[in-house]
C-alpha atoms as a PDB file:
ATOM      1  CA  UNK A   1     106.294 149.982  37.656  1.00  0.00           C
ATOM      2  CA  UNK A   2     104.197 146.618  39.196  1.00  0.00           C
ATOM      3  CA  UNK A   3     105.788 143.892  39.513  1.00  0.00           C
ATOM      4  CA  UNK A   4     104.410 141.697  37.057  1.00  0.00           C
ATOM      5  CA  UNK A   5     104.118 138.427  38.768  1.00  0.00           C
ATOM      6  CA  UNK A   6     101.084 140.047  40.810  1.00  0.00           C
ATOM      7  CA  UNK A   7      98.936 138.677  43.219  1.00  0.00           C
ATOM      8  CA  UNK A   8      96.706 136.693  40.872  1.00  0.00           C
ATOM      9  CA  UNK A   9      99.303 134.335  39.420  1.00  0.00           C
ATOM     10  CA  UNK A  10     101.351 132.552  41.533  1.00  0.00           C
ATOM     11  CA  UNK A  11     103.459 129.809  39.620  1.00  0.00           C
ATOM     12  CA  UNK A  12     104.077 126.675  41.415  1.00  0.00           C
ATOM     13  CA  UNK A  13     107.395 125.001  41.717  1.00  0.00           C
ATOM     14  CA  UNK A  14     107.394 122.973  38.839  1.00  0.00           C
ATOM     15  CA  UNK A  15     106.143 126.105  36.505  1.00  0.00           C
ATOM     16  CA  UNK A  16     108.649 127.862  38.206  1.00  0.00           C
ATOM     17  CA  UNK A  17     111.305 125.399  37.238  1.00  0.00           C
ATOM     18  CA  UNK A  18     110.233 125.229  33.619  1.00  0.00           C
ATOM     19  CA  UNK A  19     110.413 129.086  33.273  1.00  0.00           C
ATOM     20  CA  UNK A  20     114.384 128.667  34.509  1.00  0.00           C
ATOM     21  CA  UNK A  21     114.994 125.890  31.896  1.00  0.00           C
ATOM     22  CA  UNK A  22     113.844 128.084  29.009  1.00  0.00           C
ATOM     23  CA  UNK A  23     115.806 130.912  30.729  1.00  0.00           C
ATOM     24  CA  UNK A  24     118.604 128.408  30.536  1.00  0.00           C
ATOM     25  CA  UNK A  25     117.313 127.383  26.630  1.00  0.00           C
ATOM     26  CA  UNK A  26     117.337 131.214  25.346  1.00  0.00           C
ATOM     27  CA  UNK A  27     113.920 132.293  26.199  1.00  0.00           C
ATOM     28  CA  UNK A  28     113.981 135.809  27.465  1.00  0.00           C
ATOM     29  CA  UNK A  29     110.193 136.999  28.211  1.00  0.00           C
ATOM     30  CA  UNK A  30     107.449 134.801  28.716  1.00  0.00           C
ATOM     31  CA  UNK A  31     106.384 134.595  25.196  1.00  0.00           C
ATOM     32  CA  UNK A  32     109.094 132.581  24.816  1.00  0.00           C
ATOM     33  CA  UNK A  33     108.831 130.434  27.520  1.00  0.00           C
ATOM     34  CA  UNK A  34     105.380 129.700  26.621  1.00  0.00           C
ATOM     35  CA  UNK A  35     106.183 128.699  23.062  1.00  0.00           C
ATOM     36  CA  UNK A  36     109.354 125.999  23.808  1.00  0.00           C
ATOM     37  CA  UNK A  37     106.828 124.212  25.880  1.00  0.00           C
ATOM     38  CA  UNK A  38     106.515 121.589  23.069  1.00  0.00           C
ATOM     39  CA  UNK A  39     109.635 121.425  22.662  1.00  0.00           C
ATOM     40  CA  UNK A  40     109.778 121.011  26.062  1.00  0.00           C
ATOM     41  CA  UNK A  41     108.193 118.579  26.553  1.00  0.00           C
ATOM     42  CA  UNK A  42     109.624 116.204  23.584  1.00  0.00           C
ATOM     43  CA  UNK A  43     112.856 116.559  26.249  1.00  0.00           C
ATOM     44  CA  UNK A  44     114.421 114.351  27.772  1.00  0.00           C
ATOM     45  CA  UNK A  45     114.082 116.713  30.673  1.00  0.00           C
ATOM     46  CA  UNK A  46     110.522 117.106  31.982  1.00  0.00           C
ATOM     47  CA  UNK A  47     111.328 114.704  34.753  1.00  0.00           C
ATOM     48  CA  UNK A  48     114.355 116.548  36.314  1.00  0.00           C
ATOM     49  CA  UNK A  49     112.801 119.882  35.505  1.00  0.00           C
ATOM     50  CA  UNK A  50     109.020 118.931  37.005  1.00  0.00           C
ATOM     51  CA  UNK A  51     109.612 115.665  39.632  1.00  0.00           C
ATOM     52  CA  UNK A  52     106.732 113.138  39.475  1.00  0.00           C
ATOM     53  CA  UNK A  53     103.939 116.533  40.877  1.00  0.00           C
ATOM     54  CA  UNK A  54     104.001 117.769  37.931  1.00  0.00           C
ATOM     55  CA  UNK A  55     103.023 118.237  34.459  1.00  0.00           C
ATOM     56  CA  UNK A  56     103.444 119.528  31.073  1.00  0.00           C
ATOM     57  CA  UNK A  57     100.116 120.389  30.656  1.00  0.00           C
ATOM     58  CA  UNK A  58      99.803 122.007  33.816  1.00  0.00           C
ATOM     59  CA  UNK A  59     102.552 124.344  33.627  1.00  0.00           C
ATOM     60  CA  UNK A  60     101.331 125.670  30.241  1.00  0.00           C
ATOM     61  CA  UNK A  61      98.157 126.318  31.973  1.00  0.00           C
ATOM     62  CA  UNK A  62      99.197 128.374  34.329  1.00  0.00           C
ATOM     63  CA  UNK A  63     101.626 129.732  31.899  1.00  0.00           C
ATOM     64  CA  UNK A  64      98.580 130.783  29.699  1.00  0.00           C
ATOM     65  CA  UNK A  65      97.018 132.263  32.992  1.00  0.00           C
ATOM     66  CA  UNK A  66     100.492 134.872  33.578  1.00  0.00           C
ATOM     67  CA  UNK A  67     100.549 135.518  29.394  1.00  0.00           C
ATOM     68  CA  UNK A  68      97.061 137.387  30.625  1.00  0.00           C
ATOM     69  CA  UNK A  69      97.824 138.453  33.502  1.00  0.00           C
ATOM     70  CA  UNK A  70     101.728 139.802  32.935  1.00  0.00           C
ATOM     71  CA  UNK A  71     102.180 139.539  29.551  1.00  0.00           C
ATOM     72  CA  UNK A  72     103.760 137.838  26.750  1.00  0.00           C
ATOM     73  CA  UNK A  73     107.000 140.456  26.791  1.00  0.00           C
ATOM     74  CA  UNK A  74     106.868 140.227  30.433  1.00  0.00           C
ATOM     75  CA  UNK A  75     111.505 139.725  30.480  1.00  0.00           C
ATOM     76  CA  UNK A  76     112.928 136.357  32.408  1.00  0.00           C
ATOM     77  CA  UNK A  77     115.255 137.676  34.110  1.00  0.00           C
ATOM     78  CA  UNK A  78     112.475 139.884  36.351  1.00  0.00           C
ATOM     79  CA  UNK A  79     110.705 136.974  37.651  1.00  0.00           C
ATOM     80  CA  UNK A  80     113.034 134.174  38.443  1.00  0.00           C
END
Protein backbone atom coordinates (compact mmCIF):
# COMPACT_ATOMS: atom_id res chain seq x y z
CA UNK A 1 0.00 0.00 0.00
CA UNK A 2 1.39 3.37 -0.95
CA UNK A 3 1.61 6.32 1.37
CA UNK A 4 -1.58 8.40 1.06
CA UNK A 5 0.53 11.57 1.29
CA UNK A 6 2.08 11.25 -2.13
CA UNK A 7 4.51 13.73 -3.65
CA UNK A 8 1.66 15.88 -4.92
CA UNK A 9 -0.03 16.36 -1.55
CA UNK A 10 2.15 18.14 0.99
CA UNK A 11 -0.16 19.78 3.54
CA UNK A 12 0.95 22.84 5.43
CA UNK A 13 1.41 22.91 9.18
CA UNK A 14 -1.99 24.58 9.46
CA UNK A 15 -3.68 21.77 7.54
CA UNK A 16 -1.99 19.14 9.70
CA UNK A 17 -3.03 20.99 12.85
CA UNK A 18 -6.59 21.09 11.55
CA UNK A 19 -6.51 17.35 10.85
CA UNK A 20 -5.29 16.77 14.42
CA UNK A 21 -8.12 18.95 15.73
CA UNK A 22 -10.65 16.94 13.70
CA UNK A 23 -9.15 13.67 14.91
CA UNK A 24 -9.37 14.82 18.53
CA UNK A 25 -13.01 15.75 17.89
CA UNK A 26 -14.00 12.35 16.55
CA UNK A 27 -13.11 12.31 12.84
CA UNK A 28 -11.49 9.09 11.69
CA UNK A 29 -11.09 9.73 7.95
CA UNK A 30 -9.98 12.59 5.73
CA UNK A 31 -13.54 12.95 4.45
CA UNK A 32 -14.91 13.29 7.98
CA UNK A 33 -12.24 15.87 8.81
CA UNK A 34 -13.24 17.86 5.73
CA UNK A 35 -16.90 17.66 6.75
CA UNK A 36 -15.99 19.16 10.13
CA UNK A 37 -14.47 22.33 8.63
CA UNK A 38 -17.69 24.32 8.95
CA UNK A 39 -17.88 23.43 12.64
CA UNK A 40 -14.18 24.24 13.02
CA UNK A 41 -14.63 27.61 11.34
CA UNK A 42 -17.30 28.60 13.88
CA UNK A 43 -15.37 27.29 16.87
CA UNK A 44 -13.15 29.24 19.21
CA UNK A 45 -10.29 26.89 18.31
CA UNK A 46 -9.30 28.52 15.01
CA UNK A 47 -6.68 30.94 16.39
CA UNK A 48 -5.16 28.24 18.59
CA UNK A 49 -5.02 25.65 15.79
CA UNK A 50 -4.08 27.87 12.84
CA UNK A 51 -2.32 30.78 14.48
CA UNK A 52 -2.24 34.00 12.49
CA UNK A 53 -0.62 32.73 9.30
CA UNK A 54 -3.26 30.35 7.94
CA UNK A 55 -6.96 30.61 7.18
CA UNK A 56 -9.76 28.07 7.18
CA UNK A 57 -10.27 28.71 3.47
CA UNK A 58 -6.63 27.82 2.72
CA UNK A 59 -6.98 24.63 4.75
CA UNK A 60 -10.24 23.82 2.95
CA UNK A 61 -8.46 24.09 -0.41
CA UNK A 62 -5.63 21.84 0.77
CA UNK A 63 -8.02 19.22 2.10
CA UNK A 64 -10.05 19.29 -1.12
CA UNK A 65 -6.85 18.50 -2.97
CA UNK A 66 -6.11 15.77 -0.44
CA UNK A 67 -9.55 14.26 -0.98
CA UNK A 68 -8.82 14.09 -4.70
CA UNK A 69 -5.32 12.71 -4.14
CA UNK A 70 -5.59 10.38 -1.15
CA UNK A 71 -9.36 9.80 -1.06
CA UNK A 72 -12.03 10.52 1.54
CA UNK A 73 -11.69 7.12 3.24
CA UNK A 74 -8.03 7.65 4.13
CA UNK A 75 -7.66 7.08 7.88
CA UNK A 76 -6.49 10.16 9.75
CA UNK A 77 -4.38 7.94 12.01
CA UNK A 78 -2.22 7.05 9.02
CA UNK A 79 -1.79 10.70 8.05
CA UNK A 80 -0.85 12.23 11.36
